[in-house]
């Protein structure tokens, strides 16, 4: 069995060492394709491998077409919109992600961005504290739960909206479940987004919701840029000079946002939610372990496709 790690942006050395140990202990061969600049290199490398680990690299229908022996592909991370799940299913290839491995890194970043915006992006002037403010979490999954826990440590009151999570599970964490997005946005000074980008959520966050936020409201986005209606975001920020927006995924219109609204908006230079040494290692090791567990035992716990 041959396992390929194909990463335009490589894993940390410690992660690769750990992946190699897991793969070779199982009796498999590890192959690396790092810092490649042409997708043709990816096509060639994937031709004869049985398993594939990627980070944000796009596993397209074309990549799948070149993978003659591929049985499983694992995205080292939670998001998986870089995987063509239909193409994998057509070929009988199992597609997985590694949920939870990057969660703490993303959660800490979300709180860091709240502090940054509350303190006027560390510029002159009087800021505000997070203590005593109400935080609304949209989607109470792995990251959302950690955001809630850290925010409670800051002395924030936390509410959450997630129709897929039982209210008892939310209440167990000392978080108040709310029954609608309107209630979440209208009662929380801070909103932290953790929703995926799909047909139901794309451009779903716009003027109707943001316009309900209390005075001084701030939206924190460590999810996906596609969930924001950027035209409406510009419109509501123009109308409500008290609102702020911080994102880990620069908007398509980020330059316009920066010009119009200055330090009321912020975007990280490059998506960095999972960019910690710990998350990098955890996700890589989890991906390797899941591959071995599937090939040896048929474990499909984190399978994404049908």
Protein backbone atom coordinates (compact mmCIF):
# COMPACT_ATOMS: atom_id res chain seq x y z
CA UNK A 1 0.00 0.00 0.00
CA UNK A 2 1.22 3.49 -0.87
CA UNK A 3 0.09 6.70 0.89
CA UNK A 4 0.64 10.09 -0.73
CA UNK A 5 0.79 13.36 1.19
CA UNK A 6 0.16 16.06 -1.44
CA UNK A 7 0.50 19.53 0.06
CA UNK A 8 1.20 22.71 -1.83
CA UNK A 9 1.66 24.23 1.63
CA UNK A 10 3.54 21.51 3.54
CA UNK A 11 2.85 20.13 6.98
CA UNK A 12 5.31 20.96 9.74
CA UNK A 13 8.26 18.59 9.94
CA UNK A 14 6.96 17.13 13.21
CA UNK A 15 3.65 16.31 11.51
CA UNK A 16 5.39 14.56 8.61
CA UNK A 17 7.53 12.55 11.02
CA UNK A 18 4.42 11.45 12.89
CA UNK A 19 2.55 10.60 9.69
CA UNK A 20 5.51 8.57 8.47
CA UNK A 21 5.68 6.64 11.74
CA UNK A 22 1.97 5.74 11.58
CA UNK A 23 2.07 4.78 7.90
CA UNK A 24 5.28 2.77 8.00
CA UNK A 25 4.30 0.99 11.23
CA UNK A 26 1.30 -0.34 9.29
CA UNK A 27 3.68 -1.62 6.62
CA UNK A 28 2.78 1.01 4.03
CA UNK A 29 4.99 3.28 1.94
CA UNK A 30 4.82 7.06 2.37
CA UNK A 31 5.28 9.37 -0.60
CA UNK A 32 5.54 13.19 -0.35
CA UNK A 33 4.60 15.85 -2.87
CA UNK A 34 5.30 19.25 -1.31
CA UNK A 35 5.34 22.81 -2.63
CA UNK A 36 4.26 21.69 -6.09
CA UNK A 37 3.59 24.49 -8.59
CA UNK A 38 1.80 22.63 -11.39
CA UNK A 39 -1.27 20.42 -11.04
CA UNK A 40 0.38 18.04 -13.52
CA UNK A 41 2.77 17.11 -10.70
CA UNK A 42 -0.24 16.19 -8.59
CA UNK A 43 -1.69 14.10 -11.43
CA UNK A 44 1.56 12.17 -11.78
CA UNK A 45 2.05 11.62 -8.04
CA UNK A 46 -1.46 10.30 -7.43
CA UNK A 47 -1.37 7.79 -10.31
CA UNK A 48 -0.38 4.68 -8.35
CA UNK A 49 -1.20 5.45 -4.70
CA UNK A 50 -3.82 3.75 -2.55
CA UNK A 51 -4.46 6.63 -0.14
CA UNK A 52 -4.15 10.41 -0.23
CA UNK A 53 -3.77 13.09 2.44
CA UNK A 54 -4.27 16.76 1.52
CA UNK A 55 -4.68 20.06 3.32
CA UNK A 56 -6.36 22.76 1.22
CA UNK A 57 -5.27 21.14 -2.04
CA UNK A 58 -8.13 20.65 -4.50
CA UNK A 59 -8.98 17.02 -5.16
CA UNK A 60 -10.95 17.61 -8.36
CA UNK A 61 -12.60 15.24 -10.79
CA UNK A 62 -9.43 15.50 -12.89
CA UNK A 63 -7.23 14.48 -9.98
CA UNK A 64 -9.51 11.52 -9.28
CA UNK A 65 -9.35 10.52 -12.94
CA UNK A 66 -5.57 10.16 -12.67
CA UNK A 67 -5.74 8.14 -9.45
CA UNK A 68 -5.87 4.58 -10.74
CA UNK A 69 -5.62 2.76 -7.39
CA UNK A 70 -7.01 5.32 -4.95
CA UNK A 71 -9.22 3.90 -2.21
CA UNK A 72 -9.39 6.76 0.32
CA UNK A 73 -8.66 10.49 0.48
CA UNK A 74 -8.53 12.42 3.76
CA UNK A 75 -8.63 16.18 4.09
CA UNK A 76 -6.51 17.08 7.12
CA UNK A 77 -8.89 19.61 8.63
CA UNK A 78 -12.59 20.17 9.16
CA UNK A 79 -13.65 21.94 5.96
CA UNK A 80 -13.91 19.72 2.89
CA UNK A 81 -15.12 21.91 0.04
CA UNK A 82 -11.81 21.21 -1.71
CA UNK A 83 -12.87 17.58 -2.21
CA UNK A 84 -15.10 16.59 -5.15
CA UNK A 85 -17.28 14.16 -3.23
CA UNK A 86 -19.35 13.16 -6.24
CA UNK A 87 -16.25 12.23 -8.22
CA UNK A 88 -15.01 10.17 -5.27
CA UNK A 89 -18.35 8.38 -4.99
CA UNK A 90 -18.43 7.60 -8.71
CA UNK A 91 -15.09 5.83 -8.35
CA UNK A 92 -15.94 4.14 -5.04
CA UNK A 93 -13.33 6.20 -3.19
CA UNK A 94 -13.96 6.99 0.47
CA UNK A 95 -13.59 10.70 1.34
CA UNK A 96 -13.01 11.82 4.93
CA UNK A 97 -12.07 14.89 6.94
CA UNK A 98 -10.57 15.15 10.43
CA UNK A 99 -13.19 17.06 12.44
CA UNK A 100 -12.14 18.56 15.74
CA UNK A 101 -8.39 18.57 15.17
CA UNK A 102 -8.24 22.28 14.30
CA UNK A 103 -11.11 23.34 16.55
CA UNK A 104 -9.16 24.86 19.43
CA UNK A 105 -6.96 26.88 17.08
CA UNK A 106 -10.01 28.36 15.33
CA UNK A 107 -11.80 29.02 18.61
CA UNK A 108 -8.83 30.87 20.10
CA UNK A 109 -8.56 32.97 16.95
CA UNK A 110 -12.25 33.89 17.14
CA UNK A 111 -11.83 35.19 20.69
CA UNK A 112 -8.59 36.95 19.75
CA UNK A 113 -10.43 38.76 16.98
CA UNK A 114 -13.15 39.80 19.42
CA UNK A 115 -10.55 41.33 21.74
CA UNK A 116 -8.86 43.02 18.78
CA UNK A 117 -12.09 44.63 17.58
CA UNK A 118 -13.22 45.55 21.11
CA UNK A 119 -9.91 47.40 21.60
CA UNK A 120 -10.16 49.47 18.40
CA UNK A 121 -7.75 47.15 16.52
CA UNK A 122 -5.14 48.23 19.08
CA UNK A 123 -5.26 51.84 17.89
CA UNK A 124 -5.70 54.97 20.05
CA UNK A 125 -9.03 55.51 21.74
CA UNK A 126 -11.23 54.00 24.40
CA UNK A 127 -12.22 50.42 23.75
CA UNK A 128 -14.57 48.09 25.55
CA UNK A 129 -14.37 44.81 27.47
CA UNK A 130 -15.80 41.43 26.56
CA UNK A 131 -16.85 40.78 30.15
CA UNK A 132 -20.59 41.17 30.56
CA UNK A 133 -21.27 41.18 26.82
CA UNK A 134 -23.47 38.57 25.15
CA UNK A 135 -22.00 36.31 22.49
CA UNK A 136 -24.17 34.47 19.99
CA UNK A 137 -22.76 31.35 18.36
CA UNK A 138 -24.23 30.35 15.02
CA UNK A 139 -23.67 26.58 14.68
CA UNK A 140 -22.78 24.74 17.87
CA UNK A 141 -20.31 22.14 16.63
CA UNK A 142 -16.75 21.38 17.71
CA UNK A 143 -15.52 24.95 17.25
CA UNK A 144 -18.70 26.57 18.54
CA UNK A 145 -18.50 24.64 21.81
CA UNK A 146 -14.90 25.67 22.38
CA UNK A 147 -15.68 29.31 21.56
CA UNK A 148 -18.44 29.16 24.19
CA UNK A 149 -16.11 27.70 26.81
CA UNK A 150 -13.38 30.29 26.23
CA UNK A 151 -15.90 33.15 26.10
CA UNK A 152 -17.33 32.07 29.43
CA UNK A 153 -13.82 32.40 30.83
CA UNK A 154 -13.91 36.03 29.71
CA UNK A 155 -17.13 36.50 31.66
CA UNK A 156 -19.36 36.65 28.59
CA UNK A 157 -22.93 35.42 28.52
CA UNK A 158 -23.26 32.90 25.68
CA UNK A 159 -26.21 31.93 23.50
CA UNK A 160 -26.28 29.54 20.55
CA UNK A 161 -28.46 28.70 17.59
CA UNK A 162 -28.18 25.28 15.98
CA UNK A 163 -31.32 23.41 14.89
CA UNK A 164 -29.29 20.20 14.63
CA UNK A 165 -28.12 20.15 18.25
CA UNK A 166 -30.56 19.22 21.07
CA UNK A 167 -31.29 22.11 23.43
CA UNK A 168 -30.29 19.90 26.39
CA UNK A 169 -26.78 19.49 24.96
CA UNK A 170 -26.41 23.27 24.64
CA UNK A 171 -27.84 23.95 28.10
CA UNK A 172 -25.48 21.37 29.62
CA UNK A 173 -22.58 23.68 28.71
CA UNK A 174 -24.16 26.65 30.45
CA UNK A 175 -25.14 28.15 27.09
CA UNK A 176 -28.61 29.47 26.31
CA UNK A 177 -30.21 27.87 23.24
CA UNK A 178 -32.24 30.28 21.11
CA UNK A 179 -34.94 29.26 18.67
CA UNK A 180 -34.22 31.54 15.73
CA UNK A 181 -31.48 33.53 14.04
CA UNK A 182 -33.53 36.67 14.56
CA UNK A 183 -33.38 36.10 18.32
CA UNK A 184 -29.65 35.38 18.18
CA UNK A 185 -28.75 38.51 16.20
CA UNK A 186 -31.12 40.87 17.99
CA UNK A 187 -29.90 39.96 21.48
CA UNK A 188 -26.12 39.52 21.06
CA UNK A 189 -23.42 42.18 20.83
CA UNK A 190 -21.05 39.63 19.29
CA UNK A 191 -21.88 36.90 16.78
CA UNK A 192 -19.40 34.13 15.93
CA UNK A 193 -20.07 32.25 12.68
CA UNK A 194 -19.29 28.53 12.36
CA UNK A 195 -21.60 27.47 9.53
CA UNK A 196 -20.49 25.64 6.37
CA UNK A 197 -20.90 27.13 2.91
CA UNK A 198 -23.72 25.29 1.15
CA UNK A 199 -26.81 26.10 -0.89
CA UNK A 200 -28.74 26.99 2.27
CA UNK A 201 -26.09 29.23 3.81
CA UNK A 202 -24.38 31.04 0.92
CA UNK A 203 -25.02 34.81 1.18
CA UNK A 204 -27.39 34.13 4.07
CA UNK A 205 -25.76 36.67 6.40
CA UNK A 206 -26.80 40.12 5.29
CA UNK A 207 -28.68 43.27 6.13
CA UNK A 208 -31.80 41.60 7.56
CA UNK A 209 -29.82 39.85 10.31
CA UNK A 210 -27.00 42.34 10.89
CA UNK A 211 -29.43 45.24 11.08
CA UNK A 212 -30.97 43.66 14.17
CA UNK A 213 -27.75 43.62 16.18
CA UNK A 214 -27.56 45.81 19.29
CA UNK A 215 -25.57 49.04 19.26
CA UNK A 216 -21.86 48.32 18.92
CA UNK A 217 -22.47 44.89 17.44
CA UNK A 218 -19.58 42.91 15.95
CA UNK A 219 -19.68 39.93 13.58
CA UNK A 220 -16.77 37.47 13.71
CA UNK A 221 -16.36 35.13 10.75
CA UNK A 222 -13.97 32.18 10.98
CA UNK A 223 -16.21 30.06 8.74
CA UNK A 224 -16.42 30.81 5.01
CA UNK A 225 -16.56 34.08 3.06
CA UNK A 226 -19.35 32.71 0.86
CA UNK A 227 -21.89 32.85 3.70
CA UNK A 228 -21.71 36.67 3.71
CA UNK A 229 -23.79 38.81 1.37
CA UNK A 230 -21.03 41.34 0.74
CA UNK A 231 -23.18 43.97 -0.97
CA UNK A 232 -25.58 43.97 1.96
CA UNK A 233 -22.67 43.96 4.43
CA UNK A 234 -21.39 47.18 2.84
CA UNK A 235 -24.88 48.63 2.92
CA UNK A 236 -25.53 47.92 6.59
CA UNK A 237 -22.05 49.04 7.69
CA UNK A 238 -22.71 52.33 5.86
CA UNK A 239 -26.06 52.77 7.59
CA UNK A 240 -24.95 51.55 11.03
CA UNK A 241 -21.67 53.26 11.86
CA UNK A 242 -21.54 51.39 15.18
CA UNK A 243 -21.25 47.92 13.62
CA UNK A 244 -17.97 46.04 13.05
CA UNK A 245 -16.88 43.01 11.03
CA UNK A 246 -13.80 40.81 11.43
CA UNK A 247 -13.04 37.82 9.25
CA UNK A 248 -10.44 35.12 8.83
CA UNK A 249 -11.41 34.82 5.17
CA UNK A 250 -10.90 38.06 3.27
CA UNK A 251 -14.01 39.14 1.39
CA UNK A 252 -14.03 39.43 -2.37
CA UNK A 253 -14.64 43.13 -1.74
CA UNK A 254 -12.18 43.40 1.15
CA UNK A 255 -10.29 46.32 -0.38
CA UNK A 256 -13.54 48.27 -0.70
CA UNK A 257 -14.49 47.38 2.87
CA UNK A 258 -11.12 48.57 4.16
CA UNK A 259 -11.36 51.84 2.25
CA UNK A 260 -14.91 52.57 3.35
CA UNK A 261 -14.79 51.49 6.97
CA UNK A 262 -11.16 51.60 8.20
CA UNK A 263 -10.63 49.89 11.54
CA UNK A 264 -14.31 48.93 11.80
CA UNK A 265 -13.40 45.97 9.57
CA UNK A 266 -10.51 43.52 9.69
CA UNK A 267 -9.36 40.53 7.66
CA UNK A 268 -6.37 38.32 8.34
CA UNK A 269 -3.80 38.51 5.50
CA UNK A 270 -4.33 34.81 4.80
CA UNK A 271 -6.71 32.32 6.37
CA UNK A 272 -5.06 31.36 9.63
CA UNK A 273 -7.75 29.67 11.74
CA UNK A 274 -5.91 26.36 11.74
CA UNK A 275 -2.43 27.84 11.43
CA UNK A 276 -0.94 26.66 14.70
CA UNK A 277 1.79 24.10 15.17
CA UNK A 278 -0.53 22.02 17.33
CA UNK A 279 -3.41 21.97 14.83
CA UNK A 280 -1.04 21.22 11.97
CA UNK A 281 0.32 18.17 13.74
CA UNK A 282 -3.02 16.97 15.13
CA UNK A 283 -4.77 17.06 11.75
CA UNK A 284 -1.94 15.29 9.95
CA UNK A 285 -1.68 12.49 12.49
CA UNK A 286 -5.45 12.04 12.54
CA UNK A 287 -5.53 11.77 8.75
CA UNK A 288 -2.84 9.07 8.75
CA UNK A 289 -4.53 7.13 11.56
CA UNK A 290 -7.89 7.24 9.79
CA UNK A 291 -6.35 5.90 6.59
CA UNK A 292 -4.73 2.98 8.38
CA UNK A 293 -7.90 2.26 10.35
CA UNK A 294 -9.97 2.22 7.16
CA UNK A 295 -7.58 0.08 5.13
CA UNK A 296 -7.02 -2.38 7.99
CA UNK A 297 -10.44 -2.42 9.68
CA UNK A 298 -12.90 -0.77 7.29
CA UNK A 299 -13.66 2.02 9.79
CA UNK A 300 -15.66 4.72 7.94
CA UNK A 301 -16.52 6.91 10.94
CA UNK A 302 -15.60 10.22 9.30
CA UNK A 303 -16.77 9.35 5.80
CA UNK A 304 -18.25 12.34 3.96
CA UNK A 305 -19.56 10.80 0.73
CA UNK A 306 -22.05 8.04 -0.04
